[in-house]
Amino acid sequence: MPEIHLAEGDRIEWALNVFKRQMQKSGVFRELRRRRHYVKPSTARQLKSKAAQRNRDRQRKRSQGGNP
């Protein structure tokens, strides 16, 4: 869990921005969005397969000299 230590003269706005940035980097927000709704295992496999297919298509386009 990200942690911010404040000195006596630090501004709260600065601390909140730093905290939000650390939360994003640690992946907490991404995990929260992912767990917001239940996804059946079969649906999760389908989504994962489609994402892999999109990645393969992108890689193939880039290697053929297409626009990214």
N, C-alpha and C. Protein backbone atom coordinates (compact mmCIF):
# COMPACT_ATOMS: atom_id res chain seq x y z
N MET A 1 0.84 -1.17 0.00
CA MET A 1 0.00 0.00 0.00
C MET A 1 0.89 1.25 0.00
N PRO A 2 0.68 2.17 -0.93
CA PRO A 2 1.50 3.38 -0.98
C PRO A 2 1.34 4.22 0.28
N GLU A 3 2.41 4.91 0.61
CA GLU A 3 2.43 5.69 1.83
C GLU A 3 3.10 7.02 1.57
N ILE A 4 2.55 8.08 2.12
CA ILE A 4 3.11 9.43 1.96
C ILE A 4 3.40 9.97 3.35
N HIS A 5 4.61 10.46 3.54
CA HIS A 5 4.98 11.08 4.81
C HIS A 5 5.04 12.59 4.61
N LEU A 6 4.31 13.31 5.43
CA LEU A 6 4.24 14.76 5.30
C LEU A 6 5.11 15.44 6.36
N ALA A 7 5.75 16.51 5.93
CA ALA A 7 6.47 17.37 6.87
C ALA A 7 5.49 18.45 7.35
N GLU A 8 5.95 19.28 8.24
CA GLU A 8 5.07 20.29 8.83
C GLU A 8 4.52 21.27 7.78
N GLY A 9 5.32 21.68 6.83
CA GLY A 9 4.88 22.71 5.88
C GLY A 9 4.34 22.18 4.56
N ASP A 10 4.19 20.88 4.41
CA ASP A 10 3.73 20.33 3.13
C ASP A 10 2.25 20.62 2.90
N ARG A 11 1.92 20.84 1.62
CA ARG A 11 0.53 21.13 1.27
C ARG A 11 -0.24 19.82 1.06
N ILE A 12 -1.50 19.83 1.42
CA ILE A 12 -2.36 18.66 1.29
C ILE A 12 -2.59 18.32 -0.18
N GLU A 13 -2.75 19.34 -1.04
CA GLU A 13 -2.97 19.11 -2.46
C GLU A 13 -1.80 18.34 -3.07
N TRP A 14 -0.59 18.74 -2.69
CA TRP A 14 0.60 18.06 -3.19
C TRP A 14 0.61 16.60 -2.74
N ALA A 15 0.29 16.39 -1.46
CA ALA A 15 0.29 15.03 -0.91
C ALA A 15 -0.75 14.16 -1.61
N LEU A 16 -1.94 14.71 -1.89
CA LEU A 16 -2.97 13.94 -2.59
C LEU A 16 -2.53 13.57 -4.00
N ASN A 17 -1.90 14.51 -4.70
CA ASN A 17 -1.42 14.21 -6.05
C ASN A 17 -0.35 13.13 -6.04
N VAL A 18 0.56 13.20 -5.11
CA VAL A 18 1.61 12.19 -5.00
C VAL A 18 1.00 10.83 -4.66
N PHE A 19 0.04 10.84 -3.74
CA PHE A 19 -0.61 9.60 -3.34
C PHE A 19 -1.35 8.97 -4.52
N LYS A 20 -2.10 9.77 -5.28
CA LYS A 20 -2.82 9.25 -6.46
C LYS A 20 -1.85 8.66 -7.47
N ARG A 21 -0.74 9.34 -7.70
CA ARG A 21 0.26 8.85 -8.65
C ARG A 21 0.83 7.50 -8.19
N GLN A 22 1.12 7.38 -6.91
CA GLN A 22 1.66 6.12 -6.38
C GLN A 22 0.62 5.01 -6.46
N MET A 23 -0.66 5.34 -6.24
CA MET A 23 -1.72 4.34 -6.35
C MET A 23 -1.83 3.83 -7.79
N GLN A 24 -1.73 4.73 -8.76
CA GLN A 24 -1.80 4.34 -10.16
C GLN A 24 -0.61 3.45 -10.53
N LYS A 25 0.58 3.83 -10.09
CA LYS A 25 1.77 3.05 -10.40
C LYS A 25 1.71 1.65 -9.79
N SER A 26 1.14 1.53 -8.61
CA SER A 26 1.08 0.24 -7.95
C SER A 26 0.00 -0.67 -8.55
N GLY A 27 -0.92 -0.09 -9.33
CA GLY A 27 -1.94 -0.90 -9.99
C GLY A 27 -3.20 -1.12 -9.17
N VAL A 28 -3.37 -0.38 -8.10
CA VAL A 28 -4.54 -0.56 -7.24
C VAL A 28 -5.82 -0.18 -7.97
N PHE A 29 -5.80 0.93 -8.70
CA PHE A 29 -7.00 1.36 -9.42
C PHE A 29 -7.37 0.37 -10.51
N ARG A 30 -6.38 -0.14 -11.21
CA ARG A 30 -6.63 -1.12 -12.27
C ARG A 30 -7.26 -2.39 -11.69
N GLU A 31 -6.73 -2.85 -10.57
CA GLU A 31 -7.28 -4.03 -9.90
C GLU A 31 -8.70 -3.79 -9.42
N LEU A 32 -8.96 -2.59 -8.91
CA LEU A 32 -10.29 -2.24 -8.43
C LEU A 32 -11.30 -2.28 -9.58
N ARG A 33 -10.94 -1.71 -10.73
CA ARG A 33 -11.84 -1.74 -11.89
C ARG A 33 -12.06 -3.17 -12.36
N ARG A 34 -11.01 -3.97 -12.32
CA ARG A 34 -11.12 -5.35 -12.77
C ARG A 34 -12.06 -6.16 -11.87
N ARG A 35 -12.03 -5.89 -10.59
CA ARG A 35 -12.85 -6.65 -9.64
C ARG A 35 -14.23 -6.06 -9.41
N ARG A 36 -14.55 -4.98 -10.08
CA ARG A 36 -15.83 -4.31 -9.85
C ARG A 36 -17.01 -5.22 -10.15
N HIS A 37 -16.91 -6.02 -11.23
CA HIS A 37 -17.97 -6.92 -11.62
C HIS A 37 -17.42 -8.32 -11.76
N TYR A 38 -18.24 -9.30 -11.41
CA TYR A 38 -17.82 -10.69 -11.55
C TYR A 38 -17.82 -11.08 -13.02
N VAL A 39 -16.77 -11.76 -13.44
CA VAL A 39 -16.68 -12.26 -14.81
C VAL A 39 -16.53 -13.77 -14.72
N LYS A 40 -17.45 -14.47 -15.41
CA LYS A 40 -17.39 -15.93 -15.39
C LYS A 40 -16.07 -16.39 -16.00
N PRO A 41 -15.54 -17.52 -15.55
CA PRO A 41 -14.27 -18.02 -16.08
C PRO A 41 -14.30 -18.21 -17.60
N SER A 42 -15.42 -18.69 -18.15
CA SER A 42 -15.49 -18.90 -19.60
C SER A 42 -15.43 -17.56 -20.33
N THR A 43 -16.08 -16.53 -19.79
CA THR A 43 -16.04 -15.21 -20.40
C THR A 43 -14.64 -14.61 -20.28
N ALA A 44 -13.99 -14.85 -19.16
CA ALA A 44 -12.63 -14.34 -18.96
C ALA A 44 -11.68 -14.97 -19.98
N ARG A 45 -11.84 -16.26 -20.24
CA ARG A 45 -11.01 -16.92 -21.26
C ARG A 45 -11.24 -16.31 -22.63
N GLN A 46 -12.50 -16.05 -22.96
CA GLN A 46 -12.81 -15.45 -24.26
C GLN A 46 -12.18 -14.06 -24.39
N LEU A 47 -12.30 -13.25 -23.34
CA LEU A 47 -11.72 -11.91 -23.37
C LEU A 47 -10.21 -11.97 -23.51
N LYS A 48 -9.60 -12.89 -22.80
CA LYS A 48 -8.15 -13.04 -22.86
C LYS A 48 -7.71 -13.48 -24.26
N SER A 49 -8.46 -14.39 -24.86
CA SER A 49 -8.15 -14.88 -26.20
C SER A 49 -8.28 -13.76 -27.23
N LYS A 50 -9.35 -12.96 -27.11
CA LYS A 50 -9.55 -11.85 -28.04
C LYS A 50 -8.44 -10.80 -27.89
N ALA A 51 -8.01 -10.53 -26.66
CA ALA A 51 -6.94 -9.57 -26.43
C ALA A 51 -5.63 -10.07 -27.05
N ALA A 52 -5.36 -11.36 -26.90
CA ALA A 52 -4.16 -11.94 -27.49
C ALA A 52 -4.21 -11.84 -29.01
N GLN A 53 -5.38 -12.07 -29.58
CA GLN A 53 -5.54 -11.97 -31.04
C GLN A 53 -5.28 -10.54 -31.51
N ARG A 54 -5.81 -9.56 -30.78
CA ARG A 54 -5.58 -8.16 -31.14
C ARG A 54 -4.09 -7.83 -31.08
N ASN A 55 -3.41 -8.34 -30.06
CA ASN A 55 -1.97 -8.09 -29.92
C ASN A 55 -1.20 -8.72 -31.07
N ARG A 56 -1.58 -9.93 -31.47
CA ARG A 56 -0.90 -10.59 -32.60
C ARG A 56 -1.13 -9.79 -33.88
N ASP A 57 -2.36 -9.30 -34.08
CA ASP A 57 -2.66 -8.52 -35.28
C ASP A 57 -1.85 -7.23 -35.30
N ARG A 58 -1.74 -6.57 -34.17
CA ARG A 58 -0.95 -5.33 -34.09
C ARG A 58 0.51 -5.60 -34.40
N GLN A 59 1.05 -6.67 -33.84
CA GLN A 59 2.45 -7.01 -34.07
C GLN A 59 2.69 -7.31 -35.55
N ARG A 60 1.76 -8.03 -36.16
CA ARG A 60 1.91 -8.37 -37.57
C ARG A 60 1.86 -7.10 -38.43
N LYS A 61 0.96 -6.16 -38.11
CA LYS A 61 0.86 -4.91 -38.86
C LYS A 61 2.16 -4.12 -38.74
N ARG A 62 2.69 -4.05 -37.53
CA ARG A 62 3.93 -3.28 -37.32
C ARG A 62 5.10 -3.90 -38.06
N SER A 63 5.16 -5.22 -38.10
CA SER A 63 6.28 -5.87 -38.78
C SER A 63 6.16 -5.75 -40.30
N GLN A 64 4.94 -5.52 -40.80
CA GLN A 64 4.75 -5.35 -42.23
C GLN A 64 4.90 -3.90 -42.65
N GLY A 65 5.11 -3.01 -41.71
CA GLY A 65 5.33 -1.61 -42.04
C GLY A 65 4.08 -0.77 -42.06
N GLY A 66 2.99 -1.25 -41.52
CA GLY A 66 1.75 -0.49 -41.45
C GLY A 66 1.82 0.58 -40.39
N ASN A 67 0.87 1.47 -40.41
CA ASN A 67 0.83 2.52 -39.38
C ASN A 67 0.34 1.92 -38.07
N PRO A 68 0.98 2.30 -36.94
CA PRO A 68 0.57 1.76 -35.64
C PRO A 68 -0.73 2.31 -35.15
